[in-house]
Amino acid sequence: MSADRTADILNYVSAISREIGAFRAETQARLERMETEMQAGFEAVRTDIRLLKRQFEVMTQDLMEVRRDQRDLEVRLSALESKQA
């Protein structure tokens, strides 16, 4: 193999190596951006879940109050009906 051919092959391998390095750097940057975006998305979902949980807790408390009031009214109504009988 001639020295010129060897130099050409080494130059070609060197060029491929630079392209692979650039590709790896670009891929790494894209993956980091995706990871950052996913983390932001997950944090938004967590925030929404916390808000929904709080709203559900409030709604449950309200429902329990309504049920308690209904039971109280039923007891009072029964007492009134028994007095009339």
C-alpha atoms as a PDB file:
ATOM      1  CA  MET A   1       0.000   0.000   0.000  1.00  0.00           C
ATOM      2  CA  SER A   2       1.392   3.348  -0.938  1.00  0.00           C
ATOM      3  CA  ALA A   3       1.958   6.177   1.504  1.00  0.00           C
ATOM      4  CA  ASP A   4      -0.588   8.313  -0.359  1.00  0.00           C
ATOM      5  CA  ARG A   5      -3.245   5.614  -0.051  1.00  0.00           C
ATOM      6  CA  THR A   6      -2.486   5.190   3.660  1.00  0.00           C
ATOM      7  CA  ALA A   7      -2.734   8.953   4.193  1.00  0.00           C
ATOM      8  CA  ASP A   8      -6.071   9.017   2.341  1.00  0.00           C
ATOM      9  CA  ILE A   9      -7.431   6.203   4.519  1.00  0.00           C
ATOM     10  CA  LEU A  10      -6.232   7.918   7.709  1.00  0.00           C
ATOM     11  CA  ASN A  11      -7.782  11.202   6.597  1.00  0.00           C
ATOM     12  CA  TYR A  12     -11.044   9.399   5.821  1.00  0.00           C
ATOM     13  CA  VAL A  13     -11.028   7.657   9.223  1.00  0.00           C
ATOM     14  CA  SER A  14     -10.244  10.969  10.901  1.00  0.00           C
ATOM     15  CA  ALA A  15     -13.155  12.652   9.089  1.00  0.00           C
ATOM     16  CA  ILE A  16     -15.496   9.831  10.126  1.00  0.00           C
ATOM     17  CA  SER A  17     -14.275  10.173  13.699  1.00  0.00           C
ATOM     18  CA  ARG A  18     -15.039  13.920  13.688  1.00  0.00           C
ATOM     19  CA  GLU A  19     -18.509  13.278  12.238  1.00  0.00           C
ATOM     20  CA  ILE A  20     -19.208  10.652  14.884  1.00  0.00           C
ATOM     21  CA  GLY A  21     -18.031  13.066  17.589  1.00  0.00           C
ATOM     22  CA  ALA A  22     -20.295  15.811  16.246  1.00  0.00           C
ATOM     23  CA  PHE A  23     -23.204  13.357  16.003  1.00  0.00           C
ATOM     24  CA  ARG A  24     -22.660  12.219  19.590  1.00  0.00           C
ATOM     25  CA  ALA A  25     -22.525  15.813  20.840  1.00  0.00           C
ATOM     26  CA  GLU A  26     -25.711  16.713  18.935  1.00  0.00           C
ATOM     27  CA  THR A  27     -27.472  13.582  20.149  1.00  0.00           C
ATOM     28  CA  GLN A  28     -26.424  14.255  23.739  1.00  0.00           C
ATOM     29  CA  ALA A  29     -27.689  17.842  23.520  1.00  0.00           C
ATOM     30  CA  ARG A  30     -31.027  16.655  22.122  1.00  0.00           C
ATOM     31  CA  LEU A  31     -31.387  14.024  24.837  1.00  0.00           C
ATOM     32  CA  GLU A  32     -30.632  16.595  27.528  1.00  0.00           C
ATOM     33  CA  ARG A  33     -33.254  18.961  26.066  1.00  0.00           C
ATOM     34  CA  MET A  34     -35.795  16.141  25.942  1.00  0.00           C
ATOM     35  CA  GLU A  35     -35.017  15.181  29.530  1.00  0.00           C
ATOM     36  CA  THR A  36     -35.416  18.788  30.660  1.00  0.00           C
ATOM     37  CA  GLU A  37     -38.734  19.085  28.827  1.00  0.00           C
ATOM     38  CA  MET A  38     -39.958  15.780  30.259  1.00  0.00           C
ATOM     39  CA  GLN A  39     -39.010  16.841  33.775  1.00  0.00           C
ATOM     40  CA  ALA A  40     -40.913  20.092  33.313  1.00  0.00           C
ATOM     41  CA  GLY A  41     -43.881  18.122  31.988  1.00  0.00           C
ATOM     42  CA  PHE A  42     -43.786  15.688  34.905  1.00  0.00           C
ATOM     43  CA  GLU A  43     -43.582  18.567  37.367  1.00  0.00           C
ATOM     44  CA  ALA A  44     -46.646  20.157  35.765  1.00  0.00           C
ATOM     45  CA  VAL A  45     -48.487  16.840  36.062  1.00  0.00           C
ATOM     46  CA  ARG A  46     -47.466  16.523  39.718  1.00  0.00           C
ATOM     47  CA  THR A  47     -48.759  20.026  40.377  1.00  0.00           C
ATOM     48  CA  ASP A  48     -52.054  19.193  38.672  1.00  0.00           C
ATOM     49  CA  ILE A  49     -52.362  15.997  40.693  1.00  0.00           C
ATOM     50  CA  ARG A  50     -51.755  17.888  43.941  1.00  0.00           C
ATOM     51  CA  LEU A  51     -54.411  20.421  42.973  1.00  0.00           C
ATOM     52  CA  LEU A  52     -56.892  17.690  42.062  1.00  0.00           C
ATOM     53  CA  LYS A  53     -56.162  15.885  45.309  1.00  0.00           C
ATOM     54  CA  ARG A  54     -56.897  19.037  47.299  1.00  0.00           C
ATOM     55  CA  GLN A  55     -60.093  19.682  45.336  1.00  0.00           C
ATOM     56  CA  PHE A  56     -61.176  16.090  45.940  1.00  0.00           C
ATOM     57  CA  GLU A  57     -60.507  16.462  49.671  1.00  0.00           C
ATOM     58  CA  VAL A  58     -62.626  19.632  49.808  1.00  0.00           C
ATOM     59  CA  MET A  59     -65.392  17.997  47.791  1.00  0.00           C
ATOM     60  CA  THR A  60     -65.347  14.966  50.090  1.00  0.00           C
ATOM     61  CA  GLN A  61     -65.602  17.189  53.164  1.00  0.00           C
ATOM     62  CA  ASP A  62     -68.517  19.067  51.610  1.00  0.00           C
ATOM     63  CA  LEU A  63     -70.272  15.809  50.777  1.00  0.00           C
ATOM     64  CA  MET A  64     -69.796  14.549  54.321  1.00  0.00           C
ATOM     65  CA  GLU A  65     -71.299  17.776  55.670  1.00  0.00           C
ATOM     66  CA  VAL A  66     -74.307  17.407  53.377  1.00  0.00           C
ATOM     67  CA  ARG A  67     -74.821  13.818  54.517  1.00  0.00           C
ATOM     68  CA  ARG A  68     -74.532  14.860  58.165  1.00  0.00           C
ATOM     69  CA  ASP A  69     -77.087  17.633  57.633  1.00  0.00           C
ATOM     70  CA  GLN A  70     -79.391  15.206  55.844  1.00  0.00           C
ATOM     71  CA  ARG A  71     -79.200  12.736  58.730  1.00  0.00           C
ATOM     72  CA  ASP A  72     -79.915  15.521  61.214  1.00  0.00           C
ATOM     73  CA  LEU A  73     -82.955  16.586  59.216  1.00  0.00           C
ATOM     74  CA  GLU A  74     -84.192  13.007  58.989  1.00  0.00           C
ATOM     75  CA  VAL A  75     -83.876  12.621  62.760  1.00  0.00           C
ATOM     76  CA  ARG A  76     -85.710  15.901  63.352  1.00  0.00           C
ATOM     77  CA  LEU A  77     -88.418  14.959  60.857  1.00  0.00           C
ATOM     78  CA  SER A  78     -88.891  11.581  62.525  1.00  0.00           C
ATOM     79  CA  ALA A  79     -89.184  13.297  65.905  1.00  0.00           C
ATOM     80  CA  LEU A  80     -91.802  15.704  64.572  1.00  0.00           C
ATOM     81  CA  GLU A  81     -93.760  12.917  62.917  1.00  0.00           C
ATOM     82  CA  SER A  82     -93.771  10.851  66.089  1.00  0.00           C
ATOM     83  CA  LYS A  83     -95.079  13.852  68.091  1.00  0.00           C
ATOM     84  CA  GLN A  84     -97.949  14.289  65.626  1.00  0.00           C
ATOM     85  CA  ALA A  85     -98.923  10.661  65.727  1.00  0.00           C
END
